Protein backbone atom coordinates (compact mmCIF):
# COMPACT_ATOMS: atom_id res chain seq x y z
CA MET A 1 -15.23 6.85 -13.03
CA THR A 2 -15.27 6.82 -9.27
CA GLY A 3 -14.71 4.43 -6.42
CA THR A 4 -11.82 2.31 -5.24
CA ALA A 5 -9.90 0.38 -7.89
CA ILE A 6 -7.03 -0.97 -5.79
CA GLU A 7 -6.87 -1.48 -2.05
CA LEU A 8 -3.96 -2.53 0.16
CA ARG A 9 -4.89 -3.69 3.66
CA GLY A 10 -2.16 -4.36 6.17
CA VAL A 11 0.32 -5.12 3.40
CA THR A 12 3.89 -5.80 4.52
CA LYS A 13 7.05 -7.03 2.83
CA SER A 14 10.15 -8.37 4.52
CA PHE A 15 13.14 -9.72 2.61
CA ALA A 16 15.32 -12.52 3.95
CA GLY A 17 18.37 -11.24 5.78
CA ALA A 18 17.04 -7.69 6.16
CA ASP A 19 16.94 -6.13 9.63
CA HIS A 20 13.78 -4.17 8.91
CA PRO A 21 10.78 -4.66 6.63
CA ALA A 22 10.88 -3.01 3.22
CA VAL A 23 7.22 -2.11 3.66
CA ALA A 24 5.60 -1.69 7.06
CA PRO A 25 1.90 -2.53 7.45
CA LEU A 26 0.42 -0.38 4.70
CA ASP A 27 -3.22 0.59 4.24
CA LEU A 28 -3.85 2.43 0.99
CA THR A 29 -6.70 2.93 -1.47
CA VAL A 30 -6.20 3.88 -5.10
CA ASN A 31 -9.16 5.63 -6.72
CA ALA A 32 -10.42 4.45 -10.08
CA GLY A 33 -9.53 6.64 -13.05
CA GLU A 34 -6.93 8.66 -11.15
CA ILE A 35 -3.15 8.94 -11.13
CA THR A 36 -1.80 7.99 -7.71
CA VAL A 37 1.88 8.79 -7.26
CA LEU A 38 4.13 6.98 -4.78
CA ILE A 39 7.10 9.04 -3.65
CA GLY A 40 9.67 8.98 -0.90
CA PRO A 41 13.40 8.62 -0.21
CA SER A 42 15.49 5.63 -1.20
CA GLY A 43 14.46 2.61 0.83
CA CYS A 44 10.87 3.73 1.36
CA GLY A 45 9.46 0.72 -0.48
CA LYS A 46 7.67 2.59 -3.27
CA THR A 47 8.84 0.26 -6.07
CA THR A 48 8.30 -2.79 -3.88
CA THR A 49 4.74 -1.61 -3.21
CA LEU A 50 4.14 -1.10 -6.93
CA ARG A 51 5.46 -4.57 -7.76
CA MET A 52 3.29 -6.20 -5.12
CA ILE A 53 0.20 -4.98 -7.00
CA ASN A 54 0.99 -7.23 -9.98
CA ARG A 55 2.76 -9.86 -7.85
CA LEU A 56 6.20 -9.36 -9.27
CA VAL A 57 6.87 -9.30 -5.52
CA ASN A 58 4.63 -11.26 -3.19
CA PRO A 59 3.56 -9.60 0.07
CA THR A 60 4.73 -11.13 3.32
CA ASP A 61 1.37 -10.34 4.85
CA GLY A 62 -1.82 -8.44 4.11
CA VAL A 63 -4.32 -8.33 1.27
CA ILE A 64 -4.31 -6.50 -2.07
CA THR A 65 -7.53 -6.29 -4.05
CA ILE A 66 -8.31 -4.98 -7.51
CA ASP A 67 -11.98 -4.14 -8.04
CA GLY A 68 -12.70 -5.95 -4.79
CA THR A 69 -11.04 -9.24 -5.79
CA ASP A 70 -8.00 -10.54 -3.92
CA ILE A 71 -5.15 -10.67 -6.45
CA ARG A 72 -4.13 -14.06 -5.05
CA GLN A 73 -7.37 -15.50 -6.40
CA ARG A 74 -6.29 -14.80 -9.96
CA SER A 75 -3.65 -16.62 -11.94
CA LEU A 76 -0.41 -14.69 -12.42
CA THR A 77 -0.90 -14.76 -16.17
CA ASP A 78 -4.42 -13.33 -16.08
CA LEU A 79 -3.47 -10.75 -13.45
CA ARG A 80 -0.49 -9.39 -15.35
CA ARG A 81 -2.27 -9.33 -18.68
CA ALA A 82 -4.92 -7.14 -17.05
CA ILE A 83 -2.32 -4.68 -15.76
CA GLY A 84 -0.16 -2.52 -18.00
CA TYR A 85 3.40 -2.09 -16.77
CA VAL A 86 5.87 0.61 -17.78
CA ILE A 87 9.42 0.78 -16.40
CA GLN A 88 12.26 3.27 -16.61
CA GLN A 89 14.41 0.98 -18.74
CA ILE A 90 11.42 0.59 -21.12
CA GLY A 91 12.29 -3.06 -21.78
CA LEU A 92 11.39 -3.24 -25.47
CA PHE A 93 12.33 -6.41 -27.32
CA PRO A 94 15.29 -5.30 -29.51
CA HIS A 95 14.73 -7.99 -32.17
CA ARG A 96 11.08 -7.04 -32.71
CA THR A 97 9.74 -4.08 -34.66
CA ILE A 98 7.84 -1.32 -32.92
CA ALA A 99 4.55 -2.76 -34.19
CA GLN A 100 5.51 -6.21 -32.90
CA ASN A 101 6.47 -4.78 -29.52
CA ILE A 102 3.12 -3.02 -29.15
CA ALA A 103 1.33 -6.22 -30.21
CA THR A 104 3.01 -8.38 -27.54
CA VAL A 105 0.03 -8.82 -25.23
CA PRO A 106 -2.66 -9.04 -27.97
CA LYS A 107 -0.61 -11.82 -29.53
CA LEU A 108 -0.42 -13.65 -26.20
CA LEU A 109 -4.18 -13.27 -25.87
CA GLY A 110 -4.71 -14.86 -29.28
CA TRP A 111 -6.07 -11.85 -31.11
CA ASP A 112 -6.32 -12.27 -34.89
CA ARG A 113 -4.05 -10.28 -37.16
CA ALA A 114 -6.66 -7.77 -38.30
CA ARG A 115 -7.73 -6.91 -34.76
CA THR A 116 -4.12 -6.67 -33.62
CA ASN A 117 -3.08 -4.43 -36.50
CA THR A 118 -6.04 -2.15 -35.89
CA ARG A 119 -5.17 -1.86 -32.20
CA VAL A 120 -1.50 -1.15 -32.98
CA GLY A 121 -2.53 1.65 -35.32
CA GLU A 122 -4.91 3.13 -32.74
CA LEU A 123 -2.26 3.12 -30.04
CA ALA A 124 0.43 4.56 -32.29
CA GLU A 125 -1.84 7.52 -32.96
CA LEU A 126 -2.87 7.76 -29.31
CA VAL A 127 0.70 8.08 -27.97
CA GLY A 128 2.08 10.10 -30.90
CA ILE A 129 4.09 7.48 -32.79
CA ASP A 130 4.22 8.12 -36.53
CA ALA A 131 2.98 5.15 -38.56
CA SER A 132 6.25 5.17 -40.50
CA MET A 133 8.07 4.15 -37.32
CA LEU A 134 6.12 0.95 -36.77
CA LYS A 135 8.43 -1.08 -39.01
CA ARG A 136 11.56 0.19 -37.27
CA TYR A 137 13.40 -1.42 -34.39
CA PRO A 138 13.86 0.08 -30.90
CA SER A 139 17.51 0.96 -31.55
CA GLU A 140 16.39 3.28 -34.35
CA LEU A 141 14.26 5.41 -32.01
CA SER A 142 15.17 8.10 -29.50
CA GLY A 143 14.69 7.55 -25.79
CA GLY A 144 11.50 9.56 -25.77
CA GLN A 145 10.08 7.66 -28.74
CA GLN A 146 10.94 4.34 -27.08
CA GLN A 147 9.15 5.43 -23.92
CA ARG A 148 6.02 6.19 -25.96
CA VAL A 149 6.24 2.68 -27.41
CA GLY A 150 6.50 1.31 -23.87
CA VAL A 151 3.30 3.12 -22.90
CA ALA A 152 1.54 1.92 -26.05
CA ARG A 153 2.56 -1.68 -25.35
CA ALA A 154 1.27 -1.40 -21.79
CA LEU A 155 -2.09 -0.15 -23.07
CA ALA A 156 -2.40 -2.68 -25.91
CA ALA A 157 -5.04 -4.93 -24.33
CA ASP A 158 -6.83 -1.92 -22.80
CA PRO A 159 -6.07 -2.85 -19.18
CA PRO A 160 -7.96 -0.93 -16.49
CA VAL A 161 -4.80 -0.52 -14.39
CA LEU A 162 -1.45 0.90 -15.44
CA LEU A 163 1.66 0.66 -13.23
CA MET A 164 4.55 3.02 -14.03
CA ASP A 165 7.92 2.70 -12.28
CA GLU A 166 10.05 5.83 -12.81
CA PRO A 167 8.77 5.91 -16.41
CA PHE A 168 10.57 9.10 -17.43
CA GLY A 169 13.73 8.78 -15.38
CA ALA A 170 15.94 7.70 -18.29
CA VAL A 171 15.33 10.67 -20.59
CA ASP A 172 16.69 14.21 -20.55
CA PRO A 173 14.75 16.99 -18.79
CA ILE A 174 13.28 18.51 -21.95
CA VAL A 175 11.98 15.19 -23.25
CA ARG A 176 10.81 14.32 -19.75
CA ALA A 177 8.68 17.48 -19.60
CA HIS A 178 7.11 16.63 -22.97
CA LEU A 179 6.34 13.06 -21.88
CA GLN A 180 4.77 14.28 -18.64
CA ASP A 181 2.48 16.60 -20.58
CA GLU A 182 1.65 13.78 -23.00
CA LEU A 183 0.77 11.44 -20.14
CA LEU A 184 -1.67 13.99 -18.71
CA ALA A 185 -3.23 14.50 -22.15
CA LEU A 186 -3.44 10.73 -22.63
CA GLN A 187 -5.04 10.22 -19.22
CA ALA A 188 -7.65 12.84 -20.04
CA ARG A 189 -8.67 10.57 -22.93
CA VAL A 190 -8.34 7.05 -21.51
CA HIS A 191 -9.04 7.57 -17.76
CA LYS A 192 -6.95 4.64 -16.54
CA THR A 193 -6.21 3.84 -12.93
CA ILE A 194 -2.51 4.68 -12.80
CA VAL A 195 -0.06 4.04 -9.98
CA LEU A 196 3.21 5.81 -10.69
CA VAL A 197 6.49 5.73 -8.79
CA THR A 198 8.86 8.70 -8.89
CA HIS A 199 11.61 10.23 -6.78
CA ASP A 200 10.90 13.72 -8.16
CA ILE A 201 8.50 15.79 -6.04
CA ASP A 202 7.85 18.21 -8.91
CA GLU A 203 6.82 15.30 -11.14
CA ALA A 204 4.60 13.92 -8.39
CA ILE A 205 2.87 17.26 -7.94
CA LEU A 206 2.41 17.74 -11.67
CA LEU A 207 1.06 14.28 -12.48
CA GLY A 208 -0.73 13.07 -9.38
CA ASP A 209 -4.39 13.35 -8.55
CA ARG A 210 -3.18 12.09 -5.18
CA VAL A 211 0.36 11.83 -3.83
CA VAL A 212 1.40 9.11 -1.39
CA VAL A 213 4.46 10.07 0.68
CA LEU A 214 6.33 7.08 2.11
CA ASN A 215 9.16 7.09 4.63
CA VAL A 216 11.99 4.57 4.92
CA GLY A 217 10.57 1.13 5.62
CA GLY A 218 7.37 1.80 3.71
CA ILE A 219 5.85 3.92 6.46
CA LEU A 220 2.92 5.95 5.16
CA GLU A 221 3.30 9.62 6.14
CA GLN A 222 0.59 11.33 4.10
CA VAL A 223 -1.86 10.83 1.25
CA ALA A 224 -3.24 14.02 -0.24
CA ALA A 225 -4.06 15.92 -3.39
CA PRO A 226 -0.97 17.86 -4.55
CA ASP A 227 -2.24 21.27 -3.46
CA ASP A 228 -3.31 19.95 -0.06
CA LEU A 229 0.07 18.28 0.36
CA LEU A 230 1.87 21.55 -0.29
CA ALA A 231 -0.52 23.68 1.73
CA SER A 232 -0.72 21.39 4.77
CA PRO A 233 2.12 18.88 5.17
CA ALA A 234 1.15 16.29 7.77
CA ASN A 235 4.43 16.51 9.67
CA GLY A 236 8.02 17.69 9.57
CA PHE A 237 9.15 14.81 7.39
CA VAL A 238 6.63 15.64 4.68
CA ALA A 239 7.38 19.36 4.91
CA SER A 240 11.09 18.64 4.52
CA PHE A 241 10.54 16.22 1.67
CA VAL A 242 8.35 18.52 -0.42
CA GLY A 243 10.88 21.33 0.06
CA ASN A 244 11.02 24.93 1.17
CA GLU A 245 9.36 26.36 -1.94
CA ARG A 246 5.91 24.95 -1.29
CA GLY A 247 4.21 28.24 -2.09
CA ILE A 248 6.01 28.53 -5.43
CA LYS A 249 5.11 24.94 -6.29
CA ARG A 250 1.47 25.65 -5.51
CA LEU A 251 1.52 28.45 -8.07
CA SER A 252 2.04 25.84 -10.79
CA LEU A 253 -1.00 23.85 -9.67
CA ALA A 254 -3.62 26.55 -9.16
CA ARG A 255 -5.38 28.17 -12.11
CA VAL A 256 -6.60 31.69 -12.67
CA GLU A 257 -10.17 30.38 -12.99
CA ARG A 258 -10.22 29.61 -9.25
CA LEU A 259 -9.50 33.24 -8.32
CA ALA A 260 -12.00 35.89 -7.35
CA LEU A 261 -11.07 38.32 -10.12
CA ASP A 262 -11.04 42.08 -9.65
CA ALA A 263 -13.02 44.36 -11.94
CA GLY A 264 -9.75 45.90 -13.07
CA PRO A 265 -9.02 49.15 -14.93
CA VAL A 266 -11.19 48.20 -17.89
CA VAL A 267 -14.13 50.12 -19.32
CA ASP A 268 -16.32 50.03 -22.39
CA ARG A 269 -14.88 51.97 -25.29
CA LEU A 270 -17.83 54.40 -25.08
CA ALA A 271 -17.13 55.19 -21.41
CA SER A 272 -16.97 58.78 -20.24
CA GLY A 273 -13.78 60.47 -19.07
CA ALA A 274 -15.01 60.37 -15.49
CA ASP A 275 -15.56 56.59 -15.67
CA ILE A 276 -12.13 56.09 -17.20
CA LYS A 277 -10.42 58.10 -14.46
CA ALA A 278 -12.39 56.30 -11.75
CA ALA A 279 -11.42 52.87 -13.11
CA ALA A 280 -7.72 53.74 -13.32
CA ASP A 281 -7.70 55.34 -9.86
CA ALA A 282 -9.49 52.38 -8.27
CA ALA A 283 -6.89 49.98 -9.66
CA GLY A 284 -3.99 52.27 -8.83
CA VAL A 285 -2.65 52.31 -12.40
CA ASP A 286 -2.02 54.95 -15.03
CA TRP A 287 -3.68 53.15 -17.92
CA VAL A 288 -7.05 51.78 -18.86
CA GLY A 289 -8.19 48.80 -20.89
CA ALA A 290 -11.07 48.99 -23.31
CA THR A 291 -13.72 46.49 -24.38
CA GLU A 292 -15.96 46.41 -27.39
CA SER A 293 -19.11 44.30 -27.09
CA GLY A 294 -17.58 42.77 -23.98
CA ARG A 295 -14.37 41.70 -25.74
CA LEU A 296 -11.00 43.04 -24.73
CA ALA A 297 -9.86 45.43 -27.43
CA GLY A 298 -6.64 46.93 -26.04
CA TRP A 299 -5.31 49.52 -23.64
CA VAL A 300 -4.02 53.08 -23.58
CA PRO A 301 -2.20 55.34 -21.08
CA VAL A 302 -4.63 57.67 -19.34
CA GLU A 303 -2.29 60.59 -20.04
CA ASP A 304 -2.88 60.09 -23.78
CA LEU A 305 -6.60 60.74 -23.36
CA ARG A 306 -8.64 63.90 -23.23
CA LEU A 307 -10.75 63.08 -20.22
CA ASP A 308 -12.90 66.14 -20.78
CA ALA A 309 -14.11 64.72 -24.10
CA ALA A 310 -17.51 63.03 -24.30
CA ALA A 311 -16.04 59.59 -25.06
CA PRO A 312 -12.23 59.79 -24.87
CA LEU A 313 -11.63 56.25 -26.18
CA THR A 314 -13.69 56.70 -29.33
CA GLY A 315 -11.32 56.95 -32.24
CA THR A 316 -8.29 56.38 -30.00
CA GLU A 317 -5.74 53.86 -31.27
CA LEU A 318 -5.49 51.09 -28.68
CA ARG A 319 -2.36 49.13 -27.89
CA PRO A 320 -2.45 45.32 -27.78
CA VAL A 321 -2.69 43.77 -24.33
CA VAL A 322 0.51 41.86 -23.61
CA ALA A 323 -0.14 41.19 -19.92
CA GLN A 324 -3.09 38.93 -20.68
CA LEU A 325 -4.10 35.59 -19.16
CA ARG A 326 -6.61 32.83 -19.83
CA PRO A 327 -8.76 31.22 -17.13
CA SER A 328 -6.66 28.07 -17.59
CA SER A 329 -3.37 29.93 -16.99
CA SER A 330 -1.49 28.82 -13.88
CA LEU A 331 -0.90 31.27 -11.06
CA ARG A 332 2.78 30.86 -11.78
CA ALA A 333 2.16 32.15 -15.31
CA ALA A 334 0.10 34.98 -13.83
CA LEU A 335 2.94 35.94 -11.51
CA GLU A 336 5.41 35.85 -14.39
CA VAL A 337 3.18 38.14 -16.48
CA ILE A 338 2.80 40.64 -13.66
CA LEU A 339 6.50 40.69 -12.83
CA THR A 340 7.55 41.26 -16.43
CA ALA A 341 4.81 43.72 -17.42
CA ARG A 342 4.84 47.47 -16.93
CA SER A 343 1.88 47.17 -14.57
CA SER A 344 0.97 45.31 -11.41
CA THR A 345 -2.26 44.18 -13.05
CA ALA A 346 -2.84 41.46 -15.65
CA LEU A 347 -6.08 41.16 -17.59
CA VAL A 348 -8.00 37.92 -18.06
CA ALA A 349 -10.01 37.05 -21.16
CA ASP A 350 -11.43 33.77 -22.42
CA GLU A 351 -10.68 32.14 -25.78
CA ASP A 352 -13.23 34.39 -27.49
CA GLY A 353 -11.62 37.50 -26.04
CA THR A 354 -14.45 38.17 -23.59
CA TYR A 355 -13.07 40.18 -20.69
CA LEU A 356 -13.43 38.38 -17.34
CA GLY A 357 -11.49 40.53 -14.87
CA SER A 358 -8.01 41.29 -13.62
CA VAL A 359 -5.32 39.65 -11.50
CA THR A 360 -2.93 41.38 -9.12
CA LEU A 361 -0.35 40.10 -6.65
CA GLU A 362 -2.95 40.46 -3.91
CA THR A 363 -5.44 38.43 -5.94
CA ILE A 364 -2.88 35.62 -6.22
CA ARG A 365 -2.05 35.77 -2.52
CA SER A 366 -5.71 35.65 -1.55
CA GLY A 367 -6.30 32.75 -3.92
CA LEU A 368 -3.58 30.66 -2.33
CA ALA A 369 -4.83 31.50 1.14
CA SER A 370 -8.41 30.43 0.46
């Protein structure tokens, strides 16, 4: 899915009695099938901007379109039924069961019972709600479980757009991390156009395909992919807002698969002593890894080998590789492995164990610089 799903052109919002507008003239496009995160300090208008998209707040001026249609040309009822909405307080109906909460919009749309029940079951599975919970009431669920129900309810009528206002702000950090991961996994399956508001830069960087940084008064400072935002802040405000550990944050975004891997101190198990010594010397380590049929088999200290033998690794008991990464491993994970291992080199293998190359601190540095 590509293209523009939502567009704001010259959108402003001023509240009666306020000295300054809550949102200055704002031009913004939201790409279809992506997560766009709005972030900024208190008073930057991020929640106001979100609410203008479904007309919970009406703009003072400007135009907002969804799929090219001005939202003012649609009835409020039709517009809001076509947009899922998730808030920090969750807002479940306490007197309704979980199943009834999820079925709120399908019921309003006049779906029959069989279709509604099927959809409730699909969504419960999709967001990780056990079927046994569907007959319970919100008060019987944990905060994290309630938030899952809120997401399921927002998705009930399969809306193309999902608005999320501080969706994980009311849960503890551990649950919050789980819910963030679950949202990314869910998005990989449903590919919704999501606009999410947060005050947490780490959450914005983790979740966003694009991050929109707003300043007080709804002034747009920068729109960028998370890595671009960290690598090249548009100005001092953005640099200050994203923090002083931009390089560390980038480590969490980048993956080993984007690196130009080194050959590393790894040889075939039938390699000669000369080849073993050359591989270890080239990598500047005192050990060598061994492969069998291209798959990583283990490692051994060079000092334990008789390099004058025809094939020193034949018959040698290999040690398991602890400092090992997958192509999908983050550079932060790679750094952690290197810092805690006995060597400055970590080995990379795919899910089948096929050896792909090695990572060093210099490899990581070069990867971030490219």
